[in-house]
């Protein structure tokens, strides 16, 4: 019993330096991401702790996309899902952590162009924390696709692309929102809404770029 308690305290200590559990912190961030980010920045988390947060979000990301593309893929999305989906998912899981580091640096550089006051370290804290905080929404979106997949034969409307495809990307909205709030706090921007609008626009451009490249047979 003592060994188990010590192990739990060690696990919790990786994430937090106070008595708040991980779930409590996530729920708190859903209510006020800026305040949650501010408290986390004040704790000055180690790089290992930041990596731990990214790895947890990686795991949820992997599970949610496995559900959406392997367990219960919508028929209307079949043409958009590559045959080698398992290879793509494993690659995404392995590369996502490195991508998050690169992404946080790009965010840091752009924020500096707009006179942001935060460092790359603070930017990483907020980006990585936002990735974990928003991860449950991606999983919920995956469960929605499972429900729609099971109802396709009874409700043909779920086979229509304009209904079946949005759940694949719904998790992106809270991801962008929480990152926008975190970045605004890290760089002392007064309002999160302009940051959210800019990131939304960039995300749309990125998605359209992916669809365009795929439509031209690049992958």
C-alpha atoms as a PDB file:
ATOM      1  CA  UNK A   1       0.000   0.000   0.000  1.00  0.00           C
ATOM      2  CA  UNK A   2       2.804   2.384   0.855  1.00  0.00           C
ATOM      3  CA  UNK A   3       4.606   1.631  -2.401  1.00  0.00           C
ATOM      4  CA  UNK A   4       1.420   2.319  -4.373  1.00  0.00           C
ATOM      5  CA  UNK A   5       0.867   5.605  -2.563  1.00  0.00           C
ATOM      6  CA  UNK A   6       4.458   6.667  -3.216  1.00  0.00           C
ATOM      7  CA  UNK A   7       4.103   5.772  -6.890  1.00  0.00           C
ATOM      8  CA  UNK A   8       0.902   7.806  -7.162  1.00  0.00           C
ATOM      9  CA  UNK A   9       2.490  10.800  -5.479  1.00  0.00           C
ATOM     10  CA  UNK A  10       5.435  10.518  -7.862  1.00  0.00           C
ATOM     11  CA  UNK A  11       3.123  10.406 -10.871  1.00  0.00           C
ATOM     12  CA  UNK A  12       1.087  13.365  -9.616  1.00  0.00           C
ATOM     13  CA  UNK A  13       4.263  15.256  -8.849  1.00  0.00           C
ATOM     14  CA  UNK A  14       5.299  15.124 -12.489  1.00  0.00           C
ATOM     15  CA  UNK A  15       2.217  17.086 -13.335  1.00  0.00           C
ATOM     16  CA  UNK A  16       1.585  19.280 -10.341  1.00  0.00           C
ATOM     17  CA  UNK A  17       3.386  20.877  -7.459  1.00  0.00           C
ATOM     18  CA  UNK A  18       0.249  21.339  -5.358  1.00  0.00           C
ATOM     19  CA  UNK A  19      -2.727  19.270  -4.260  1.00  0.00           C
ATOM     20  CA  UNK A  20      -4.806  19.867  -7.379  1.00  0.00           C
ATOM     21  CA  UNK A  21      -5.230  16.750  -9.477  1.00  0.00           C
ATOM     22  CA  UNK A  22      -4.776  16.705 -13.220  1.00  0.00           C
ATOM     23  CA  UNK A  23      -8.521  16.409 -13.832  1.00  0.00           C
ATOM     24  CA  UNK A  24      -9.245  19.303 -11.487  1.00  0.00           C
ATOM     25  CA  UNK A  25      -6.776  21.455 -13.380  1.00  0.00           C
ATOM     26  CA  UNK A  26      -8.296  20.518 -16.735  1.00  0.00           C
ATOM     27  CA  UNK A  27     -11.809  21.339 -15.522  1.00  0.00           C
ATOM     28  CA  UNK A  28     -10.498  24.611 -14.120  1.00  0.00           C
ATOM     29  CA  UNK A  29      -8.874  25.452 -17.476  1.00  0.00           C
ATOM     30  CA  UNK A  30     -12.169  24.849 -19.270  1.00  0.00           C
ATOM     31  CA  UNK A  31     -13.664  27.606 -17.124  1.00  0.00           C
ATOM     32  CA  UNK A  32     -10.772  30.095 -17.349  1.00  0.00           C
ATOM     33  CA  UNK A  33      -7.847  29.118 -19.554  1.00  0.00           C
ATOM     34  CA  UNK A  34      -5.995  32.369 -19.051  1.00  0.00           C
ATOM     35  CA  UNK A  35      -6.010  32.063 -15.260  1.00  0.00           C
ATOM     36  CA  UNK A  36      -5.034  28.393 -15.492  1.00  0.00           C
ATOM     37  CA  UNK A  37      -2.146  29.242 -17.819  1.00  0.00           C
ATOM     38  CA  UNK A  38      -1.031  32.048 -15.535  1.00  0.00           C
ATOM     39  CA  UNK A  39      -0.845  29.711 -12.544  1.00  0.00           C
ATOM     40  CA  UNK A  40       1.037  27.095 -14.531  1.00  0.00           C
ATOM     41  CA  UNK A  41       3.568  29.659 -15.766  1.00  0.00           C
ATOM     42  CA  UNK A  42       4.088  30.821 -12.179  1.00  0.00           C
ATOM     43  CA  UNK A  43       5.021  27.251 -11.189  1.00  0.00           C
ATOM     44  CA  UNK A  44       7.872  27.243 -13.718  1.00  0.00           C
ATOM     45  CA  UNK A  45       7.390  23.608 -14.768  1.00  0.00           C
ATOM     46  CA  UNK A  46      10.395  21.585 -15.869  1.00  0.00           C
ATOM     47  CA  UNK A  47      10.857  20.497 -19.478  1.00  0.00           C
ATOM     48  CA  UNK A  48      10.138  16.921 -18.430  1.00  0.00           C
ATOM     49  CA  UNK A  49       6.777  17.998 -17.060  1.00  0.00           C
ATOM     50  CA  UNK A  50       5.966  19.790 -20.316  1.00  0.00           C
ATOM     51  CA  UNK A  51       6.881  16.713 -22.343  1.00  0.00           C
ATOM     52  CA  UNK A  52       4.657  14.641 -20.061  1.00  0.00           C
ATOM     53  CA  UNK A  53       1.696  16.877 -20.913  1.00  0.00           C
ATOM     54  CA  UNK A  54       2.386  16.583 -24.635  1.00  0.00           C
ATOM     55  CA  UNK A  55       2.687  12.804 -24.441  1.00  0.00           C
ATOM     56  CA  UNK A  56      -0.687  12.562 -22.687  1.00  0.00           C
ATOM     57  CA  UNK A  57      -2.293  14.690 -25.391  1.00  0.00           C
ATOM     58  CA  UNK A  58      -0.515  12.550 -28.023  1.00  0.00           C
ATOM     59  CA  UNK A  59      -2.124   9.438 -26.574  1.00  0.00           C
ATOM     60  CA  UNK A  60      -5.638  10.908 -26.616  1.00  0.00           C
ATOM     61  CA  UNK A  61      -5.035  12.234 -30.141  1.00  0.00           C
ATOM     62  CA  UNK A  62      -3.958   8.759 -31.290  1.00  0.00           C
ATOM     63  CA  UNK A  63      -6.948   7.017 -29.690  1.00  0.00           C
ATOM     64  CA  UNK A  64      -9.480   9.507 -31.049  1.00  0.00           C
ATOM     65  CA  UNK A  65      -8.176   9.242 -34.621  1.00  0.00           C
ATOM     66  CA  UNK A  66      -8.012   5.454 -34.382  1.00  0.00           C
ATOM     67  CA  UNK A  67     -11.704   5.488 -33.540  1.00  0.00           C
ATOM     68  CA  UNK A  68     -12.580   7.924 -36.328  1.00  0.00           C
ATOM     69  CA  UNK A  69     -10.546   6.273 -39.063  1.00  0.00           C
ATOM     70  CA  UNK A  70     -10.163   2.601 -38.142  1.00  0.00           C
ATOM     71  CA  UNK A  71     -12.876   1.508 -35.697  1.00  0.00           C
ATOM     72  CA  UNK A  72     -15.803   3.468 -37.129  1.00  0.00           C
ATOM     73  CA  UNK A  73     -14.909   5.427 -40.281  1.00  0.00           C
ATOM     74  CA  UNK A  74     -17.834   7.252 -41.865  1.00  0.00           C
ATOM     75  CA  UNK A  75     -18.586   6.035 -45.382  1.00  0.00           C
ATOM     76  CA  UNK A  76     -18.440   9.558 -46.800  1.00  0.00           C
ATOM     77  CA  UNK A  77     -14.907   9.954 -45.450  1.00  0.00           C
ATOM     78  CA  UNK A  78     -13.606   6.713 -46.949  1.00  0.00           C
ATOM     79  CA  UNK A  79     -12.090   8.474 -49.960  1.00  0.00           C
ATOM     80  CA  UNK A  80     -10.248  10.885 -47.701  1.00  0.00           C
ATOM     81  CA  UNK A  81      -8.684   8.187 -45.521  1.00  0.00           C
ATOM     82  CA  UNK A  82      -5.519   6.593 -46.946  1.00  0.00           C
ATOM     83  CA  UNK A  83      -5.322   2.812 -47.195  1.00  0.00           C
ATOM     84  CA  UNK A  84      -2.181   2.821 -45.061  1.00  0.00           C
ATOM     85  CA  UNK A  85      -4.049   4.565 -42.224  1.00  0.00           C
ATOM     86  CA  UNK A  86      -2.375   2.511 -39.495  1.00  0.00           C
ATOM     87  CA  UNK A  87       1.070   3.591 -40.731  1.00  0.00           C
ATOM     88  CA  UNK A  88      -0.073   7.213 -40.875  1.00  0.00           C
ATOM     89  CA  UNK A  89      -1.417   7.056 -37.318  1.00  0.00           C
ATOM     90  CA  UNK A  90       1.762   5.511 -35.912  1.00  0.00           C
ATOM     91  CA  UNK A  91       3.830   8.130 -37.721  1.00  0.00           C
ATOM     92  CA  UNK A  92       1.559  10.887 -36.377  1.00  0.00           C
ATOM     93  CA  UNK A  93       1.950   9.562 -32.837  1.00  0.00           C
ATOM     94  CA  UNK A  94       5.737   9.488 -33.128  1.00  0.00           C
ATOM     95  CA  UNK A  95       6.061  12.865 -34.850  1.00  0.00           C
ATOM     96  CA  UNK A  96       3.434  14.847 -32.960  1.00  0.00           C
ATOM     97  CA  UNK A  97       5.647  15.752 -29.999  1.00  0.00           C
ATOM     98  CA  UNK A  98       8.342  17.163 -32.280  1.00  0.00           C
ATOM     99  CA  UNK A  99       5.649  18.961 -34.264  1.00  0.00           C
ATOM    100  CA  UNK A 100       4.316  20.569 -31.075  1.00  0.00           C
ATOM    101  CA  UNK A 101       7.769  21.969 -30.323  1.00  0.00           C
ATOM    102  CA  UNK A 102       8.038  23.401 -33.832  1.00  0.00           C
ATOM    103  CA  UNK A 103       4.492  24.707 -33.678  1.00  0.00           C
ATOM    104  CA  UNK A 104       5.108  26.456 -30.360  1.00  0.00           C
ATOM    105  CA  UNK A 105       8.215  28.119 -31.806  1.00  0.00           C
ATOM    106  CA  UNK A 106       6.260  29.382 -34.818  1.00  0.00           C
ATOM    107  CA  UNK A 107       3.556  30.693 -32.485  1.00  0.00           C
ATOM    108  CA  UNK A 108       6.236  32.388 -30.379  1.00  0.00           C
ATOM    109  CA  UNK A 109       7.791  34.026 -33.453  1.00  0.00           C
ATOM    110  CA  UNK A 110       4.438  35.293 -34.731  1.00  0.00           C
ATOM    111  CA  UNK A 111       3.483  36.603 -31.282  1.00  0.00           C
ATOM    112  CA  UNK A 112       6.749  38.540 -31.169  1.00  0.00           C
ATOM    113  CA  UNK A 113       5.845  40.202 -34.473  1.00  0.00           C
ATOM    114  CA  UNK A 114       2.782  41.572 -32.696  1.00  0.00           C
ATOM    115  CA  UNK A 115       4.868  42.780 -29.741  1.00  0.00           C
ATOM    116  CA  UNK A 116       4.204  39.788 -27.519  1.00  0.00           C
ATOM    117  CA  UNK A 117       6.065  39.879 -24.203  1.00  0.00           C
ATOM    118  CA  UNK A 118       6.399  36.157 -23.535  1.00  0.00           C
ATOM    119  CA  UNK A 119       9.353  33.822 -24.042  1.00  0.00           C
ATOM    120  CA  UNK A 120       9.435  30.596 -26.028  1.00  0.00           C
ATOM    121  CA  UNK A 121       9.434  28.751 -22.704  1.00  0.00           C
ATOM    122  CA  UNK A 122       6.169  30.431 -21.652  1.00  0.00           C
ATOM    123  CA  UNK A 123       4.753  29.819 -25.104  1.00  0.00           C
ATOM    124  CA  UNK A 124       5.583  26.113 -24.829  1.00  0.00           C
ATOM    125  CA  UNK A 125       3.880  25.930 -21.450  1.00  0.00           C
ATOM    126  CA  UNK A 126       0.654  27.386 -22.814  1.00  0.00           C
ATOM    127  CA  UNK A 127       0.665  25.485 -26.107  1.00  0.00           C
ATOM    128  CA  UNK A 128       1.393  22.133 -24.475  1.00  0.00           C
ATOM    129  CA  UNK A 129      -1.130  22.742 -21.710  1.00  0.00           C
ATOM    130  CA  UNK A 130      -3.777  23.767 -24.251  1.00  0.00           C
ATOM    131  CA  UNK A 131      -3.113  20.586 -26.244  1.00  0.00           C
ATOM    132  CA  UNK A 132      -3.853  18.497 -23.151  1.00  0.00           C
ATOM    133  CA  UNK A 133      -6.833  20.588 -22.029  1.00  0.00           C
ATOM    134  CA  UNK A 134      -8.466  20.345 -25.466  1.00  0.00           C
ATOM    135  CA  UNK A 135      -7.693  16.636 -25.989  1.00  0.00           C
ATOM    136  CA  UNK A 136     -10.944  15.361 -24.388  1.00  0.00           C
ATOM    137  CA  UNK A 137     -12.969  17.305 -26.955  1.00  0.00           C
ATOM    138  CA  UNK A 138     -11.253  15.419 -29.760  1.00  0.00           C
ATOM    139  CA  UNK A 139     -12.142  12.158 -28.055  1.00  0.00           C
ATOM    140  CA  UNK A 140     -15.768  13.275 -27.653  1.00  0.00           C
ATOM    141  CA  UNK A 141     -15.841  14.093 -31.375  1.00  0.00           C
ATOM    142  CA  UNK A 142     -14.587  10.568 -32.050  1.00  0.00           C
ATOM    143  CA  UNK A 143     -17.455   9.128 -29.999  1.00  0.00           C
ATOM    144  CA  UNK A 144     -19.867  11.230 -32.055  1.00  0.00           C
ATOM    145  CA  UNK A 145     -18.524   9.647 -35.247  1.00  0.00           C
ATOM    146  CA  UNK A 146     -19.035   6.184 -33.710  1.00  0.00           C
ATOM    147  CA  UNK A 147     -22.687   7.024 -33.008  1.00  0.00           C
ATOM    148  CA  UNK A 148     -23.206   8.400 -36.507  1.00  0.00           C
ATOM    149  CA  UNK A 149     -21.464   5.377 -38.038  1.00  0.00           C
ATOM    150  CA  UNK A 150     -23.850   3.040 -36.216  1.00  0.00           C
ATOM    151  CA  UNK A 151     -26.870   4.966 -37.478  1.00  0.00           C
ATOM    152  CA  UNK A 152     -25.846   5.266 -41.134  1.00  0.00           C
ATOM    153  CA  UNK A 153     -27.994   2.325 -42.251  1.00  0.00           C
ATOM    154  CA  UNK A 154     -31.055   3.676 -40.428  1.00  0.00           C
ATOM    155  CA  UNK A 155     -30.535   7.374 -41.152  1.00  0.00           C
ATOM    156  CA  UNK A 156     -28.962   7.799 -44.623  1.00  0.00           C
ATOM    157  CA  UNK A 157     -28.531  11.515 -43.995  1.00  0.00           C
ATOM    158  CA  UNK A 158     -25.448  10.641 -41.935  1.00  0.00           C
ATOM    159  CA  UNK A 159     -23.790   9.500 -45.156  1.00  0.00           C
ATOM    160  CA  UNK A 160     -23.855  13.049 -46.484  1.00  0.00           C
ATOM    161  CA  UNK A 161     -20.436  14.718 -46.319  1.00  0.00           C
ATOM    162  CA  UNK A 162     -21.737  18.013 -44.919  1.00  0.00           C
ATOM    163  CA  UNK A 163     -22.988  16.121 -41.856  1.00  0.00           C
ATOM    164  CA  UNK A 164     -20.470  13.323 -41.430  1.00  0.00           C
ATOM    165  CA  UNK A 165     -17.190  15.199 -42.012  1.00  0.00           C
ATOM    166  CA  UNK A 166     -17.459  18.032 -39.423  1.00  0.00           C
ATOM    167  CA  UNK A 167     -17.035  15.679 -36.406  1.00  0.00           C
ATOM    168  CA  UNK A 168     -13.608  14.752 -37.762  1.00  0.00           C
ATOM    169  CA  UNK A 169     -12.459  18.317 -37.208  1.00  0.00           C
ATOM    170  CA  UNK A 170     -14.609  19.532 -34.310  1.00  0.00           C
ATOM    171  CA  UNK A 171     -11.772  18.887 -31.872  1.00  0.00           C
ATOM    172  CA  UNK A 172      -9.732  21.526 -33.690  1.00  0.00           C
ATOM    173  CA  UNK A 173     -12.009  24.349 -32.486  1.00  0.00           C
ATOM    174  CA  UNK A 174     -11.380  23.991 -28.721  1.00  0.00           C
ATOM    175  CA  UNK A 175      -7.706  23.303 -29.481  1.00  0.00           C
ATOM    176  CA  UNK A 176      -7.413  26.668 -31.234  1.00  0.00           C
ATOM    177  CA  UNK A 177      -9.489  28.455 -28.592  1.00  0.00           C
ATOM    178  CA  UNK A 178      -7.493  27.196 -25.608  1.00  0.00           C
ATOM    179  CA  UNK A 179      -4.187  27.858 -27.338  1.00  0.00           C
ATOM    180  CA  UNK A 180      -5.347  31.383 -28.203  1.00  0.00           C
ATOM    181  CA  UNK A 181      -6.262  32.061 -24.566  1.00  0.00           C
ATOM    182  CA  UNK A 182      -2.973  30.606 -23.331  1.00  0.00           C
ATOM    183  CA  UNK A 183      -0.881  32.552 -25.830  1.00  0.00           C
ATOM    184  CA  UNK A 184      -2.731  35.749 -24.929  1.00  0.00           C
ATOM    185  CA  UNK A 185      -1.800  35.215 -21.297  1.00  0.00           C
ATOM    186  CA  UNK A 186       1.811  34.244 -22.007  1.00  0.00           C
ATOM    187  CA  UNK A 187       2.386  37.287 -24.219  1.00  0.00           C
ATOM    188  CA  UNK A 188       0.228  39.742 -22.248  1.00  0.00           C
ATOM    189  CA  UNK A 189      -2.304  40.373 -25.007  1.00  0.00           C
ATOM    190  CA  UNK A 190      -5.394  42.024 -23.537  1.00  0.00           C
ATOM    191  CA  UNK A 191      -7.930  40.204 -25.705  1.00  0.00           C
ATOM    192  CA  UNK A 192      -7.897  36.571 -26.819  1.00  0.00           C
ATOM    193  CA  UNK A 193     -10.440  37.022 -29.617  1.00  0.00           C
ATOM    194  CA  UNK A 194      -8.059  38.532 -32.224  1.00  0.00           C
ATOM    195  CA  UNK A 195      -5.562  35.743 -31.545  1.00  0.00           C
ATOM    196  CA  UNK A 196      -8.335  33.182 -31.939  1.00  0.00           C
ATOM    197  CA  UNK A 197      -9.460  34.691 -35.252  1.00  0.00           C
ATOM    198  CA  UNK A 198      -5.914  34.742 -36.647  1.00  0.00           C
ATOM    199  CA  UNK A 199      -5.256  31.146 -35.611  1.00  0.00           C
ATOM    200  CA  UNK A 200      -8.618  30.038 -37.000  1.00  0.00           C
ATOM    201  CA  UNK A 201      -7.801  31.645 -40.344  1.00  0.00           C
ATOM    202  CA  UNK A 202      -4.371  30.016 -40.443  1.00  0.00           C
ATOM    203  CA  UNK A 203      -5.883  26.634 -39.554  1.00  0.00           C
ATOM    204  CA  UNK A 204      -8.453  26.924 -42.337  1.00  0.00           C
ATOM    205  CA  UNK A 205      -5.719  27.809 -44.807  1.00  0.00           C
ATOM    206  CA  UNK A 206      -3.720  24.813 -43.619  1.00  0.00           C
ATOM    207  CA  UNK A 207      -6.677  22.431 -43.965  1.00  0.00           C
ATOM    208  CA  UNK A 208      -7.535  23.712 -47.419  1.00  0.00           C
ATOM    209  CA  UNK A 209      -3.900  23.273 -48.377  1.00  0.00           C
ATOM    210  CA  UNK A 210      -3.943  19.645 -47.221  1.00  0.00           C
ATOM    211  CA  UNK A 211      -7.158  18.935 -49.145  1.00  0.00           C
ATOM    212  CA  UNK A 212      -5.752  20.620 -52.258  1.00  0.00           C
ATOM    213  CA  UNK A 213      -2.511  18.639 -52.131  1.00  0.00           C
ATOM    214  CA  UNK A 214      -4.410  15.412 -51.598  1.00  0.00           C
ATOM    215  CA  UNK A 215      -6.798  16.195 -54.462  1.00  0.00           C
ATOM    216  CA  UNK A 216      -3.763  16.516 -56.723  1.00  0.00           C
ATOM    217  CA  UNK A 217      -2.554  13.055 -55.737  1.00  0.00           C
ATOM    218  CA  UNK A 218       0.355  14.014 -53.498  1.00  0.00           C
ATOM    219  CA  UNK A 219      -0.724  11.423 -50.907  1.00  0.00           C
END
